[in-house]
Amino acid sequence: MDEDKRERRAVQRAYDEMAGGYADRYSDELHDDPEPVERFCAGLDDDARLLAAGCGPGDTPLRVAGRTGVGLDFSREQLGVARERLPAALVQGDMTALPFAAGSFDAVAALYSLIHVPLADHRTVVEEFARVLRPDGCLLVTEGGAEWRGSNPDWLDSGTEMRWSMAGPEATREQLRDSGFEIRAVWNVHDPTTEDGEKPFLLAVLSG
């Protein structure tokens, strides 16, 4: 098994292992809605079809979209938690090969999920977002504040190792532009899973 596959499997196992406890933290403190998420959700039409890519136990855009939303995650256990909470359709899958037809969605939210994908696959994921979006569709994606790969052997005091692969905002901007997106806004938001770090949120629109 190559290193990228090992990285993906490690992240998948970690989210499976900590599904219940993560869902509790997720609700209580991890994902208080920052400004970019609020603005993204406010821009969703009532009938907009949303893909939450890496939805975990059910992120805010997926809850807002309700029955018109589709949540995708590669952690079966995280999806099990989401099924207990949400009316949305839920699919187990990989962001590098989204199991949807071209032009299936009006919006895509990838919150704290691209940062777990091996760096060599980031461009593929961005291209997949572009493929499944309709022209003028919106994307909100979280990146790392700088290029960094690493792990925490006891993430969120769970006893579980978590790994990250962050391309950084400049590389992600370039990948978005190369994939046909126009970047509309960037926010630096405090990351509640770290002591003092920030994560940039990038809002982009697919060119018509």
Protein backbone atom coordinates (compact mmCIF):
# COMPACT_ATOMS: atom_id res chain seq x y z
CA MET A 1 0.00 0.00 0.00
CA ASP A 2 1.45 3.39 -0.97
CA GLU A 3 1.87 6.24 1.50
CA ASP A 4 -1.16 8.24 0.30
CA LYS A 5 -3.43 5.22 0.77
CA ARG A 6 -2.02 4.66 4.24
CA GLU A 7 -2.71 8.31 5.07
CA ARG A 8 -6.33 8.06 3.90
CA ARG A 9 -6.91 4.80 5.75
CA ALA A 10 -5.43 6.26 8.94
CA VAL A 11 -7.77 9.27 8.83
CA GLN A 12 -10.75 7.03 8.04
CA ARG A 13 -9.97 4.73 10.98
CA ALA A 14 -9.50 7.69 13.28
CA TYR A 15 -12.88 9.21 12.45
CA ASP A 16 -14.53 5.80 12.80
CA GLU A 17 -12.94 5.28 16.22
CA MET A 18 -13.95 8.63 17.64
CA ALA A 19 -17.37 9.00 16.00
CA GLY A 20 -19.51 9.34 19.15
CA GLY A 21 -17.22 11.61 21.12
CA TYR A 22 -16.45 13.75 18.09
CA ALA A 23 -20.15 14.28 17.42
CA ASP A 24 -20.60 15.61 20.97
CA ARG A 25 -17.64 18.00 20.64
CA TYR A 26 -18.77 18.96 17.15
CA SER A 27 -22.14 20.06 18.47
CA ASP A 28 -20.84 21.81 21.57
CA GLU A 29 -17.78 23.72 20.45
CA LEU A 30 -15.88 22.59 17.37
CA HIS A 31 -18.10 24.09 14.77
CA ASP A 32 -19.72 27.18 16.16
CA ASP A 33 -20.68 28.79 12.90
CA PRO A 34 -18.08 31.36 11.80
CA GLU A 35 -18.99 34.21 9.46
CA PRO A 36 -18.10 32.41 6.20
CA VAL A 37 -20.38 29.46 7.05
CA GLU A 38 -23.23 31.78 7.99
CA ARG A 39 -22.84 33.74 4.77
CA PHE A 40 -22.60 30.61 2.66
CA CYS A 41 -25.74 29.16 4.22
CA ALA A 42 -27.63 32.44 3.85
CA GLY A 43 -26.89 32.34 0.12
CA LEU A 44 -28.45 28.90 -0.39
CA ASP A 45 -31.82 28.97 -2.13
CA ASP A 46 -34.56 26.89 -0.55
CA ASP A 47 -34.36 24.33 -3.34
CA ALA A 48 -30.58 24.42 -3.80
CA ARG A 49 -28.97 21.00 -4.01
CA LEU A 50 -25.96 21.00 -1.70
CA LEU A 51 -23.11 18.53 -1.37
CA ALA A 52 -21.40 18.51 2.02
CA ALA A 53 -18.09 16.83 1.20
CA GLY A 54 -16.66 15.33 4.36
CA CYS A 55 -19.82 16.02 6.32
CA GLY A 56 -18.87 14.14 9.50
CA PRO A 57 -21.82 13.83 11.91
CA GLY A 58 -23.67 16.57 10.02
CA ASP A 59 -22.15 19.99 9.38
CA THR A 60 -24.11 23.25 9.38
CA PRO A 61 -24.63 23.61 5.60
CA LEU A 62 -26.04 20.08 5.48
CA ARG A 63 -28.43 20.82 8.35
CA VAL A 64 -29.55 24.02 6.61
CA ALA A 65 -30.07 22.27 3.27
CA GLY A 66 -32.17 19.54 4.88
CA ARG A 67 -33.75 17.17 2.39
CA THR A 68 -32.14 18.88 -0.60
CA GLY A 69 -28.70 18.20 0.83
CA VAL A 70 -26.38 15.24 0.28
CA GLY A 71 -23.69 14.41 2.79
CA LEU A 72 -20.61 12.46 1.76
CA ASP A 73 -18.00 11.01 4.10
CA PHE A 74 -15.64 8.06 3.99
CA SER A 75 -16.21 7.25 7.67
CA ARG A 76 -19.09 4.79 8.03
CA GLU A 77 -19.35 5.54 11.75
CA GLN A 78 -19.59 9.30 11.24
CA LEU A 79 -22.37 8.75 8.70
CA GLY A 80 -24.15 6.52 11.20
CA VAL A 81 -24.24 9.40 13.66
CA ALA A 82 -25.42 11.80 10.94
CA ARG A 83 -28.29 9.46 10.02
CA GLU A 84 -29.66 9.78 13.55
CA ARG A 85 -29.68 13.59 13.28
CA LEU A 86 -30.52 14.59 9.73
CA PRO A 87 -33.07 14.02 6.97
CA ALA A 88 -30.44 14.47 4.23
CA ALA A 89 -29.27 11.74 1.88
CA LEU A 90 -25.94 10.31 3.07
CA VAL A 91 -23.33 8.53 0.96
CA GLN A 92 -20.08 6.83 1.88
CA GLY A 93 -17.40 7.81 -0.61
CA ASP A 94 -14.07 9.40 -1.43
CA MET A 95 -13.68 13.06 -2.42
CA THR A 96 -11.07 12.13 -5.04
CA ALA A 97 -13.76 10.26 -7.02
CA LEU A 98 -17.15 11.71 -6.15
CA PRO A 99 -19.96 9.22 -6.97
CA PHE A 100 -22.16 11.83 -8.66
CA ALA A 101 -22.86 12.90 -12.21
CA ALA A 102 -21.44 16.13 -13.62
CA GLY A 103 -23.47 19.22 -12.75
CA SER A 104 -25.40 17.54 -9.92
CA PHE A 105 -25.15 20.31 -7.33
CA ASP A 106 -25.74 24.03 -6.87
CA ALA A 107 -23.27 24.30 -3.99
CA VAL A 108 -20.49 22.35 -2.31
CA ALA A 109 -19.23 22.80 1.24
CA ALA A 110 -15.96 21.12 2.24
CA LEU A 111 -15.42 22.17 5.85
CA TYR A 112 -12.31 20.82 7.58
CA SER A 113 -12.19 17.91 5.13
CA LEU A 114 -9.79 18.79 2.28
CA ILE A 115 -7.09 19.23 4.94
CA HIS A 116 -7.17 15.47 5.58
CA VAL A 117 -6.57 14.54 1.92
CA PRO A 118 -2.95 13.73 0.92
CA LEU A 119 -1.37 16.75 -0.76
CA ALA A 120 -0.86 14.94 -4.06
CA ASP A 121 -4.64 14.51 -4.31
CA HIS A 122 -5.77 18.06 -3.46
CA ARG A 123 -5.97 19.18 -7.08
CA THR A 124 -7.98 16.07 -7.97
CA VAL A 125 -10.49 16.88 -5.22
CA VAL A 126 -10.86 20.50 -6.38
CA GLU A 127 -11.39 19.29 -9.96
CA GLU A 128 -14.06 16.88 -8.68
CA PHE A 129 -15.83 19.76 -6.93
CA ALA A 130 -15.82 21.66 -10.22
CA ARG A 131 -17.11 18.63 -12.12
CA VAL A 132 -20.16 18.04 -9.91
CA LEU A 133 -21.11 21.72 -9.64
CA ARG A 134 -23.42 23.45 -12.08
CA PRO A 135 -22.16 26.66 -13.77
CA ASP A 136 -22.19 29.54 -11.27
CA GLY A 137 -22.32 27.05 -8.40
CA CYS A 138 -20.69 28.04 -5.10
CA LEU A 139 -17.92 26.30 -3.17
CA LEU A 140 -16.86 26.95 0.42
CA VAL A 141 -13.67 25.13 1.38
CA THR A 142 -11.39 25.20 4.42
CA GLU A 143 -7.61 25.05 4.03
CA GLY A 144 -4.62 25.28 6.34
CA GLY A 145 -2.90 28.57 7.05
CA ALA A 146 0.34 27.22 5.57
CA GLU A 147 1.58 24.09 3.84
CA TRP A 148 1.96 21.46 6.55
CA ARG A 149 1.74 17.72 7.07
CA GLY A 150 1.59 16.21 10.50
CA SER A 151 -0.31 14.30 13.13
CA ASN A 152 -1.52 14.44 16.72
CA PRO A 153 -1.39 11.12 18.64
CA ASP A 154 -4.13 12.20 21.06
CA TRP A 155 -6.36 14.54 19.11
CA LEU A 156 -9.09 16.22 21.18
CA ASP A 157 -7.99 14.06 24.14
CA SER A 158 -9.55 11.07 22.38
CA GLY A 159 -6.57 8.72 22.51
CA THR A 160 -6.78 8.55 18.71
CA GLU A 161 -4.13 9.73 16.26
CA MET A 162 -5.32 12.17 13.60
CA ARG A 163 -3.38 13.23 10.50
CA TRP A 164 -3.52 16.32 8.30
CA SER A 165 -2.16 17.36 4.90
CA MET A 166 -2.56 21.09 4.26
CA ALA A 167 -1.60 22.70 0.98
CA GLY A 168 -1.93 26.26 2.29
CA PRO A 169 -4.09 29.09 0.92
CA GLU A 170 -1.91 30.13 -2.01
CA ALA A 171 -1.69 26.63 -3.48
CA THR A 172 -5.43 26.20 -3.00
CA ARG A 173 -6.17 29.53 -4.68
CA GLU A 174 -4.12 28.40 -7.68
CA GLN A 175 -5.88 25.02 -7.82
CA LEU A 176 -9.28 26.71 -7.66
CA ARG A 177 -8.44 29.14 -10.44
CA ASP A 178 -6.99 26.35 -12.62
CA SER A 179 -10.21 24.36 -12.14
CA GLY A 180 -12.45 27.19 -13.35
CA PHE A 181 -13.36 28.89 -10.07
CA GLU A 182 -13.43 32.61 -9.35
CA ILE A 183 -12.48 33.35 -5.75
CA ARG A 184 -14.98 35.72 -4.18
CA ALA A 185 -13.80 35.95 -0.57
CA VAL A 186 -11.27 34.60 1.92
CA TRP A 187 -11.65 34.68 5.70
CA ASN A 188 -9.11 33.66 8.34
CA VAL A 189 -11.05 31.96 11.12
CA HIS A 190 -9.82 30.72 14.48
CA ASP A 191 -9.60 26.94 14.50
CA PRO A 192 -11.14 25.62 17.75
CA THR A 193 -9.26 22.32 17.39
CA THR A 194 -5.89 24.05 17.92
CA GLU A 195 -4.41 26.24 20.62
CA ASP A 196 -3.82 29.36 18.56
CA GLY A 197 -4.12 28.48 14.89
CA GLU A 198 -6.33 29.83 12.13
CA LYS A 199 -7.81 28.24 9.04
CA PRO A 200 -8.68 30.19 5.89
CA PHE A 201 -12.15 29.69 4.42
CA LEU A 202 -12.27 30.27 0.67
CA LEU A 203 -15.55 31.10 -1.10
CA ALA A 204 -15.44 30.52 -4.85
CA VAL A 205 -17.90 30.41 -7.75
CA LEU A 206 -17.57 28.13 -10.74
CA SER A 207 -17.37 30.15 -13.94
CA GLY A 208 -20.46 29.78 -16.14
